[in-house]
N, C-alpha and C. Protein backbone atom coordinates (compact mmCIF):
# COMPACT_ATOMS: atom_id res chain seq x y z
N MET A 1 3.76 14.69 -35.66
CA MET A 1 3.12 13.88 -35.16
C MET A 1 3.90 13.15 -33.67
N TYR A 2 5.38 13.63 -33.60
CA TYR A 2 5.66 13.21 -32.30
C TYR A 2 5.19 14.05 -31.17
N GLY A 3 5.00 15.40 -31.43
CA GLY A 3 4.82 16.27 -30.75
C GLY A 3 2.57 15.78 -30.25
N TRP A 4 2.13 15.24 -31.31
CA TRP A 4 0.85 14.65 -31.07
C TRP A 4 0.91 13.61 -29.79
N ILE A 5 2.03 12.67 -29.73
CA ILE A 5 2.25 11.46 -29.42
C ILE A 5 2.44 12.29 -27.91
N TRP A 6 3.02 13.02 -27.71
CA TRP A 6 4.09 13.22 -26.65
C TRP A 6 2.74 13.81 -25.60
N ARG A 7 1.85 14.74 -26.02
CA ARG A 7 0.69 15.38 -25.84
C ARG A 7 -0.15 14.66 -25.21
N HIS A 8 -0.29 13.45 -25.79
CA HIS A 8 -1.39 12.46 -25.52
C HIS A 8 -0.87 11.16 -24.34
N LEU A 9 0.48 11.40 -24.38
CA LEU A 9 0.93 10.46 -22.68
C LEU A 9 0.78 10.96 -22.14
N PRO A 10 0.36 10.22 -20.73
CA PRO A 10 0.06 10.23 -19.62
C PRO A 10 1.44 10.79 -18.49
N GLY A 11 0.71 11.75 -17.73
CA GLY A 11 2.00 11.53 -16.55
C GLY A 11 2.98 13.11 -16.94
N ASN A 12 4.06 13.45 -16.09
CA ASN A 12 4.95 14.56 -16.03
C ASN A 12 5.83 13.98 -17.15
N ALA A 13 7.04 14.75 -17.56
CA ALA A 13 7.89 14.71 -18.67
C ALA A 13 9.04 13.21 -18.29
N TRP A 14 8.75 12.62 -16.96
CA TRP A 14 9.96 11.88 -17.02
C TRP A 14 9.05 10.37 -17.16
N VAL A 15 7.81 10.41 -16.97
CA VAL A 15 7.00 9.27 -17.12
C VAL A 15 6.79 9.55 -18.79
N ARG A 16 6.46 10.62 -19.38
CA ARG A 16 6.38 10.38 -20.47
C ARG A 16 7.58 9.84 -21.64
N ALA A 17 8.98 10.26 -20.95
CA ALA A 17 9.98 9.79 -21.49
C ALA A 17 9.94 8.62 -21.31
N LEU A 18 9.82 7.65 -20.11
CA LEU A 18 9.64 6.28 -19.85
C LEU A 18 8.91 5.26 -21.15
N ILE A 19 7.52 6.31 -21.02
CA ILE A 19 6.79 5.52 -21.87
C ILE A 19 7.03 5.58 -23.40
N SER A 20 7.87 6.80 -23.73
CA SER A 20 8.17 6.79 -25.22
C SER A 20 9.59 5.49 -25.30
N LEU A 21 10.47 5.95 -24.60
CA LEU A 21 11.48 4.46 -24.58
C LEU A 21 10.71 3.21 -24.59
N VAL A 22 9.97 2.85 -23.91
CA VAL A 22 9.27 1.45 -23.97
C VAL A 22 8.45 1.23 -25.56
N LEU A 23 7.82 2.42 -25.58
CA LEU A 23 7.18 2.30 -27.35
C LEU A 23 8.10 2.39 -28.44
N VAL A 24 9.11 2.72 -28.55
CA VAL A 24 10.55 2.72 -29.18
C VAL A 24 11.06 1.04 -29.08
N LEU A 25 11.67 1.08 -28.06
CA LEU A 25 11.77 -0.46 -27.68
C LEU A 25 10.60 -1.73 -28.18
N ALA A 26 9.38 -1.19 -28.28
CA ALA A 26 8.44 -2.08 -28.51
C ALA A 26 8.61 -2.16 -30.14
N ILE A 27 8.50 -1.13 -30.69
CA ILE A 27 8.50 -0.94 -32.53
C ILE A 27 9.94 -1.81 -32.94
N VAL A 28 11.06 -1.32 -32.19
CA VAL A 28 12.30 -2.41 -32.59
C VAL A 28 12.12 -4.04 -32.53
N TYR A 29 11.51 -4.65 -31.45
CA TYR A 29 11.36 -5.44 -31.33
C TYR A 29 9.98 -6.12 -32.71
N ALA A 30 9.51 -5.57 -32.85
CA ALA A 30 8.43 -6.34 -33.36
C ALA A 30 9.22 -6.26 -35.10
N LEU A 31 9.71 -5.30 -35.06
CA LEU A 31 10.65 -5.11 -36.57
C LEU A 31 11.45 -6.49 -37.02
N PHE A 32 12.10 -6.59 -35.33
CA PHE A 32 13.25 -7.84 -35.99
C PHE A 32 12.73 -8.84 -35.70
N GLN A 33 11.57 -9.15 -34.72
CA GLN A 33 10.84 -10.29 -34.79
C GLN A 33 10.19 -10.53 -36.42
N TYR A 34 9.27 -9.98 -36.58
CA TYR A 34 8.54 -9.91 -36.89
C TYR A 34 8.54 -9.67 -38.87
N VAL A 35 9.14 -8.69 -38.92
CA VAL A 35 9.09 -7.83 -39.79
C VAL A 35 10.13 -8.00 -41.00
N PHE A 36 11.08 -7.72 -40.71
CA PHE A 36 12.70 -8.18 -41.35
C PHE A 36 12.48 -9.73 -41.69
N PRO A 37 12.16 -10.43 -40.58
CA PRO A 37 12.16 -11.76 -41.28
C PRO A 37 11.22 -12.35 -42.20
N TRP A 38 10.38 -11.60 -42.03
CA TRP A 38 9.48 -11.82 -43.10
C TRP A 38 9.47 -11.37 -44.66
N ALA A 39 10.34 -9.82 -44.53
CA ALA A 39 11.00 -9.31 -45.76
C ALA A 39 12.26 -9.67 -46.26
N GLU A 40 12.61 -10.44 -45.62
CA GLU A 40 14.25 -10.98 -45.85
C GLU A 40 14.49 -11.63 -46.96
N PRO A 41 13.13 -12.93 -47.23
CA PRO A 41 13.58 -13.15 -48.50
C PRO A 41 13.40 -12.92 -49.57
N LEU A 42 12.51 -11.78 -49.52
CA LEU A 42 11.95 -10.85 -50.32
C LEU A 42 12.87 -9.74 -51.34
N LEU A 43 14.10 -9.93 -50.44
CA LEU A 43 15.21 -8.75 -50.52
C LEU A 43 16.67 -9.15 -51.47
N PRO A 44 17.27 -8.76 -52.19
CA PRO A 44 18.38 -9.63 -53.21
C PRO A 44 19.93 -9.69 -52.18
N PHE A 45 19.99 -9.45 -51.21
CA PHE A 45 20.77 -9.63 -50.21
C PHE A 45 22.06 -10.72 -50.73
N ASN A 46 21.17 -11.77 -50.80
CA ASN A 46 21.87 -12.95 -50.93
C ASN A 46 22.20 -13.41 -52.57
N ASP A 47 21.87 -12.34 -52.89
CA ASP A 47 22.31 -12.45 -54.53
C ASP A 47 23.92 -12.26 -54.92
N VAL A 48 24.90 -12.51 -53.86
CA VAL A 48 26.01 -11.38 -54.39
C VAL A 48 27.00 -12.46 -55.28
N THR A 49 27.68 -11.55 -55.66
CA THR A 49 28.75 -12.42 -56.52
C THR A 49 30.19 -11.46 -56.49
N VAL A 50 30.68 -12.15 -56.03
CA VAL A 50 31.96 -11.35 -55.56
C VAL A 50 33.40 -11.89 -56.27
N ASP A 51 33.98 -11.17 -57.60
CA ASP A 51 35.37 -11.42 -57.95
C ASP A 51 36.05 -10.60 -57.47
N ASN A 52 37.21 -10.80 -57.52
CA ASN A 52 38.48 -9.44 -57.37
C ASN A 52 39.62 -8.88 -58.69
N GLY A 53 38.58 -9.91 -60.27
CA GLY A 53 39.15 -9.53 -61.29
C GLY A 53 40.59 -9.65 -61.52
N MET A 54 41.36 -10.55 -61.06
CA MET A 54 42.37 -11.06 -61.64
C MET A 54 42.38 -12.93 -62.19
N ALA A 55 42.63 -12.83 -63.42
CA ALA A 55 42.55 -13.81 -64.39
C ALA A 55 43.42 -14.62 -63.52
N VAL A 56 43.31 -16.22 -63.44
CA VAL A 56 44.21 -17.29 -63.44
C VAL A 56 44.59 -17.42 -64.75
N SER A 57 46.23 -17.23 -65.06
CA SER A 57 46.61 -18.27 -66.04
C SER A 57 47.53 -19.13 -65.75
N ARG A 58 47.61 -19.86 -66.45
CA ARG A 58 48.54 -20.92 -66.17
C ARG A 58 49.58 -21.58 -67.68
């Protein structure tokens, strides 16, 4: 897949590397701005119970 993307990008190796970097940054931006906030309520990370296991007796 990466080879296919690399072959279809225009320019020489430096231009392709720059375009690849921009594509990766755009994907990361889209994930943090849209996908992760959408999926966060669906994940059970806020249902946390922390107990140190020590009983309190008086």
